[in-house]
Protein backbone atom coordinates (compact mmCIF):
# COMPACT_ATOMS: atom_id res chain seq x y z
CA MET A 1 -106.45 28.86 -35.55
CA THR A 2 -109.39 27.16 -37.22
CA PHE A 3 -110.47 23.65 -36.29
CA LYS A 4 -113.41 21.36 -36.98
CA ASN A 5 -113.79 19.45 -33.74
CA ILE A 6 -112.77 22.17 -31.28
CA THR A 7 -112.86 25.95 -31.16
CA TYR A 8 -110.30 28.36 -29.62
CA GLU A 9 -110.54 32.04 -28.86
CA LYS A 10 -108.19 34.31 -26.96
CA LYS A 11 -109.57 37.19 -24.92
CA GLY A 12 -106.86 39.23 -23.23
CA LYS A 13 -104.77 36.88 -21.13
CA ILE A 14 -107.34 34.06 -21.20
CA GLY A 15 -107.58 31.34 -23.79
CA TYR A 16 -110.95 29.66 -24.33
CA MET A 17 -111.05 26.13 -25.81
CA LYS A 18 -114.31 24.32 -26.49
CA LEU A 19 -115.06 20.79 -27.61
CA ASN A 20 -117.16 21.12 -30.74
CA ARG A 21 -118.84 17.72 -31.34
CA ALA A 22 -122.16 18.39 -29.67
CA GLU A 23 -123.88 16.03 -32.09
CA ALA A 24 -121.77 13.15 -30.68
CA ASP A 25 -121.94 14.34 -27.01
CA ASN A 26 -118.47 15.79 -27.52
CA ALA A 27 -116.94 12.29 -27.38
CA ILE A 28 -113.17 12.30 -27.79
CA ASN A 29 -112.17 10.64 -31.06
CA ARG A 30 -108.80 10.75 -32.78
CA PRO A 31 -109.48 13.76 -35.05
CA LEU A 32 -110.56 15.78 -32.01
CA ALA A 33 -107.58 14.62 -29.96
CA ASP A 34 -105.18 15.58 -32.76
CA GLU A 35 -106.64 19.08 -33.04
CA PHE A 36 -106.65 19.35 -29.25
CA GLN A 37 -102.94 18.51 -29.11
CA ILE A 38 -102.12 21.14 -31.75
CA CYS A 39 -104.15 23.80 -29.91
CA CYS A 40 -102.60 23.00 -26.56
CA GLN A 41 -99.12 23.17 -28.09
CA SER A 42 -99.91 26.67 -29.41
CA ILE A 43 -101.21 27.75 -26.01
CA TYR A 44 -98.07 26.33 -24.35
CA GLU A 45 -95.90 28.40 -26.62
CA ASP A 46 -97.92 31.62 -26.13
CA ASP A 47 -96.55 33.40 -23.05
CA ASP A 48 -99.41 35.85 -23.29
CA VAL A 49 -101.98 33.16 -22.28
CA TRP A 50 -102.03 33.21 -18.49
CA VAL A 51 -105.18 31.09 -17.97
CA THR A 52 -106.93 28.52 -20.12
CA VAL A 53 -110.67 27.63 -19.91
CA LEU A 54 -111.88 24.33 -21.36
CA GLY A 55 -115.58 24.10 -22.10
CA ALA A 56 -117.87 22.39 -24.55
CA GLU A 57 -120.64 23.20 -26.97
CA GLY A 58 -124.14 21.83 -26.36
CA ASP A 59 -125.38 20.49 -23.07
CA THR A 60 -122.86 17.72 -22.52
CA PHE A 61 -119.27 18.30 -21.54
CA SER A 62 -118.04 14.99 -22.94
CA ALA A 63 -119.60 11.56 -22.71
CA ALA A 64 -117.89 8.66 -24.39
CA GLY A 65 -119.94 5.85 -25.84
CA SER A 66 -118.96 2.21 -25.66
CA GLU A 67 -116.65 2.70 -28.67
CA ILE A 68 -114.25 4.72 -26.53
CA ASP A 69 -110.78 5.36 -28.01
CA PRO A 70 -108.24 5.05 -25.19
CA SER A 71 -105.38 6.43 -27.31
CA ALA A 72 -107.39 9.54 -28.21
CA ALA A 73 -108.32 10.02 -24.55
CA ARG A 74 -104.65 9.84 -23.53
CA ILE A 75 -103.60 12.31 -26.20
CA ALA A 76 -106.19 14.86 -25.18
CA SER A 77 -105.72 14.46 -21.40
CA GLU A 78 -101.91 14.67 -21.66
CA ALA A 79 -102.14 17.72 -23.88
CA ILE A 80 -104.26 19.72 -21.40
CA ALA A 81 -102.22 18.49 -18.44
CA SER A 82 -99.04 19.66 -20.06
CA LEU A 83 -100.04 23.33 -20.06
CA LYS A 84 -97.99 25.60 -17.83
CA CYS A 85 -100.79 27.99 -16.99
CA PRO A 86 -103.81 27.17 -14.74
CA VAL A 87 -106.58 25.38 -16.60
CA ILE A 88 -110.27 25.65 -15.62
CA ALA A 89 -112.78 23.00 -16.72
CA ALA A 90 -116.23 24.57 -17.32
CA ILE A 91 -118.34 21.41 -17.06
CA ASN A 92 -121.65 22.29 -18.68
CA GLY A 93 -123.11 18.76 -18.57
CA ASN A 94 -122.25 15.12 -18.21
CA ALA A 95 -118.55 14.20 -17.95
CA LEU A 96 -118.34 10.46 -18.43
CA GLY A 97 -115.55 8.09 -19.40
CA SER A 98 -112.84 9.93 -21.36
CA GLY A 99 -114.78 13.14 -20.77
CA LEU A 100 -114.20 12.83 -17.06
CA GLU A 101 -110.53 11.99 -17.71
CA LEU A 102 -110.21 15.26 -19.66
CA ALA A 103 -111.82 17.20 -16.79
CA LEU A 104 -109.46 15.50 -14.27
CA ALA A 105 -106.49 16.71 -16.31
CA CYS A 106 -107.52 20.32 -15.66
CA ASP A 107 -106.54 22.16 -12.51
CA LEU A 108 -109.89 23.49 -11.37
CA ARG A 109 -113.37 22.18 -12.19
CA LEU A 110 -116.66 24.08 -12.06
CA ALA A 111 -119.89 22.26 -12.94
CA VAL A 112 -123.56 22.80 -13.44
CA LYS A 113 -125.79 21.15 -10.90
CA ASP A 114 -127.33 18.73 -13.32
CA ALA A 115 -123.99 17.31 -14.55
CA ARG A 116 -123.15 13.68 -13.92
CA PHE A 117 -119.74 12.11 -13.54
CA GLY A 118 -118.43 8.58 -13.78
CA PHE A 119 -116.38 5.86 -15.46
CA PRO A 120 -118.69 3.31 -17.04
CA GLU A 121 -115.71 1.46 -18.65
CA VAL A 122 -115.83 -1.70 -16.45
CA SER A 123 -119.38 -2.30 -17.64
CA TRP A 124 -117.88 -2.65 -21.15
CA GLY A 125 -115.10 -4.99 -19.98
CA ILE A 126 -112.32 -2.31 -20.06
CA ILE A 127 -110.77 0.17 -17.66
CA PRO A 128 -110.25 3.94 -17.94
CA ALA A 129 -107.10 4.35 -19.95
CA GLY A 130 -106.76 8.08 -20.42
CA GLY A 131 -105.38 8.83 -16.97
CA GLY A 132 -108.58 8.13 -14.99
CA THR A 133 -107.17 5.41 -12.74
CA GLN A 134 -104.26 7.65 -11.78
CA ARG A 135 -105.72 11.14 -11.53
CA LEU A 136 -109.00 10.27 -9.83
CA PRO A 137 -107.44 8.79 -6.64
CA ARG A 138 -105.08 11.74 -6.40
CA ILE A 139 -108.09 14.06 -6.28
CA VAL A 140 -110.69 12.13 -4.31
CA GLY A 141 -108.66 9.53 -2.52
CA ARG A 142 -108.02 5.81 -3.11
CA GLY A 143 -111.16 4.44 -1.51
CA LYS A 144 -113.63 6.70 -3.34
CA ALA A 145 -111.76 6.24 -6.63
CA LEU A 146 -111.99 2.45 -6.28
CA GLU A 147 -115.71 2.70 -5.56
CA ILE A 148 -116.42 4.95 -8.55
CA ILE A 149 -114.31 2.96 -11.03
CA LEU A 150 -115.02 -0.62 -9.96
CA THR A 151 -118.78 -0.14 -9.59
CA ALA A 152 -119.10 2.11 -12.68
CA ALA A 153 -121.06 4.47 -10.40
CA ILE A 154 -122.51 7.63 -11.86
CA ILE A 155 -122.50 10.47 -9.31
CA ASP A 156 -124.27 13.82 -9.38
CA ALA A 157 -122.69 17.25 -9.08
CA ASP A 158 -123.43 17.60 -5.37
CA GLU A 159 -121.63 14.38 -4.61
CA ALA A 160 -118.77 15.40 -6.92
CA TRP A 161 -118.44 18.62 -4.88
CA ARG A 162 -118.63 16.71 -1.58
CA ILE A 163 -115.70 14.47 -2.48
CA GLY A 164 -113.64 17.31 -3.99
CA LEU A 165 -113.97 16.31 -7.59
CA VAL A 166 -115.31 19.76 -8.47
CA SER A 167 -114.73 22.95 -6.54
CA THR A 168 -117.97 24.79 -7.39
CA VAL A 169 -121.54 23.77 -8.45
CA VAL A 170 -123.75 26.37 -10.07
CA GLU A 171 -127.06 26.68 -11.91
CA PRO A 172 -126.67 26.17 -15.68
CA GLY A 173 -127.21 29.87 -16.45
CA GLN A 174 -124.50 30.88 -14.06
CA LEU A 175 -121.61 28.75 -15.28
CA ASP A 176 -120.16 31.13 -17.84
CA SER A 177 -120.13 34.11 -15.43
CA GLU A 178 -118.64 32.05 -12.59
CA VAL A 179 -115.91 30.65 -14.85
CA GLU A 180 -115.14 34.06 -16.29
CA GLN A 181 -114.83 35.58 -12.82
CA LEU A 182 -112.45 32.84 -11.71
CA ALA A 183 -110.39 33.07 -14.94
CA GLU A 184 -110.06 36.84 -14.58
CA LYS A 185 -109.07 36.40 -10.94
CA LEU A 186 -106.36 33.95 -11.87
CA ALA A 187 -105.19 36.18 -14.75
CA SER A 188 -104.76 39.09 -12.35
CA LYS A 189 -102.06 37.20 -10.43
CA GLY A 190 -98.40 36.81 -11.19
CA PRO A 191 -98.18 34.38 -14.14
CA ILE A 192 -94.67 33.14 -13.25
CA ALA A 193 -95.71 32.47 -9.65
CA GLU A 194 -98.84 30.65 -10.75
CA ARG A 195 -96.94 28.57 -13.24
CA TYR A 196 -94.38 27.40 -10.72
CA GLY A 197 -96.99 27.02 -7.92
CA LYS A 198 -98.83 24.64 -10.23
CA GLU A 199 -95.60 22.77 -11.01
CA ALA A 200 -94.68 22.44 -7.33
CA ILE A 201 -98.04 20.90 -6.48
CA SER A 202 -98.22 18.62 -9.49
CA LYS A 203 -94.70 17.20 -9.23
CA GLY A 204 -94.66 17.26 -5.43
CA MET A 205 -97.67 14.87 -5.25
CA ASP A 206 -95.41 12.09 -6.55
CA MET A 207 -92.50 12.86 -4.10
CA THR A 208 -91.76 12.32 -0.47
CA LEU A 209 -92.30 15.32 1.79
CA GLY A 210 -88.58 16.01 1.89
CA GLN A 211 -88.23 15.85 -1.89
CA GLY A 212 -91.29 18.07 -2.28
CA LEU A 213 -89.90 20.68 0.07
CA GLY A 214 -86.69 20.66 -1.91
CA LEU A 215 -88.63 21.17 -5.14
CA GLU A 216 -90.60 24.00 -3.53
CA ALA A 217 -87.36 25.74 -2.50
CA ASP A 218 -85.87 25.39 -5.94
CA LEU A 219 -88.96 26.68 -7.72
CA SER A 220 -89.34 29.53 -5.24
CA ALA A 221 -85.81 30.67 -6.10
CA ARG A 222 -86.56 30.33 -9.74
CA VAL A 223 -89.65 32.56 -9.36
CA GLU A 224 -87.51 35.26 -7.72
CA GLY A 225 -84.89 34.91 -10.41
CA GLU A 226 -87.44 35.38 -13.16
CA GLY A 227 -89.03 38.47 -11.64
CA GLY A 228 -92.03 36.57 -10.31
CA ARG A 229 -93.06 39.36 -7.90
CA ASP A 230 -94.09 41.56 -10.82
CA VAL A 231 -97.87 41.26 -11.34
């Protein structure tokens, strides 16, 4: 696949997507979102992709300006969230506004130590509209999400790690190797088990404990039925 605003490369069982608008801080506009959706659909249909890595060209992951496009942010975030396989965000720089929403739609987030995170939208008289108000509290908790969104706070990578927004903080020169090691580790596991494990957690977060346990039992049986023990 050849795109203008993103790149995609498949290496073994790992698919590597990159935002490719470095000249615009990789801001998510509609053309990028449309290409992103097409690429994610292709990955979804490719059973040989067991892990997806989302990165960005340049030194900014994605930082939206005041002309943020909420519909484009929703399209991109929903596309990456829909993937069955684990998705790693390789955050090589600032993730602000819709860029942070895109990172939140991934499953695991690794960041360089000089990255900054935040939702400046209320300073522009709007609110995050690409999933930020819903995904952020599910990851860092209601109180911290309210603080970040309502004050338009910009936090550094260490604070993002402390509150659980990112799982790992590394030096800029170490990001690619750390992400590759994690991707290869995930790709060495059972793809069916990882897919249903992700589904159990994602859907279970919106259920009662009893409903979640029922979902877990159902998906566990499905894993066994699809030969999930084979790695």
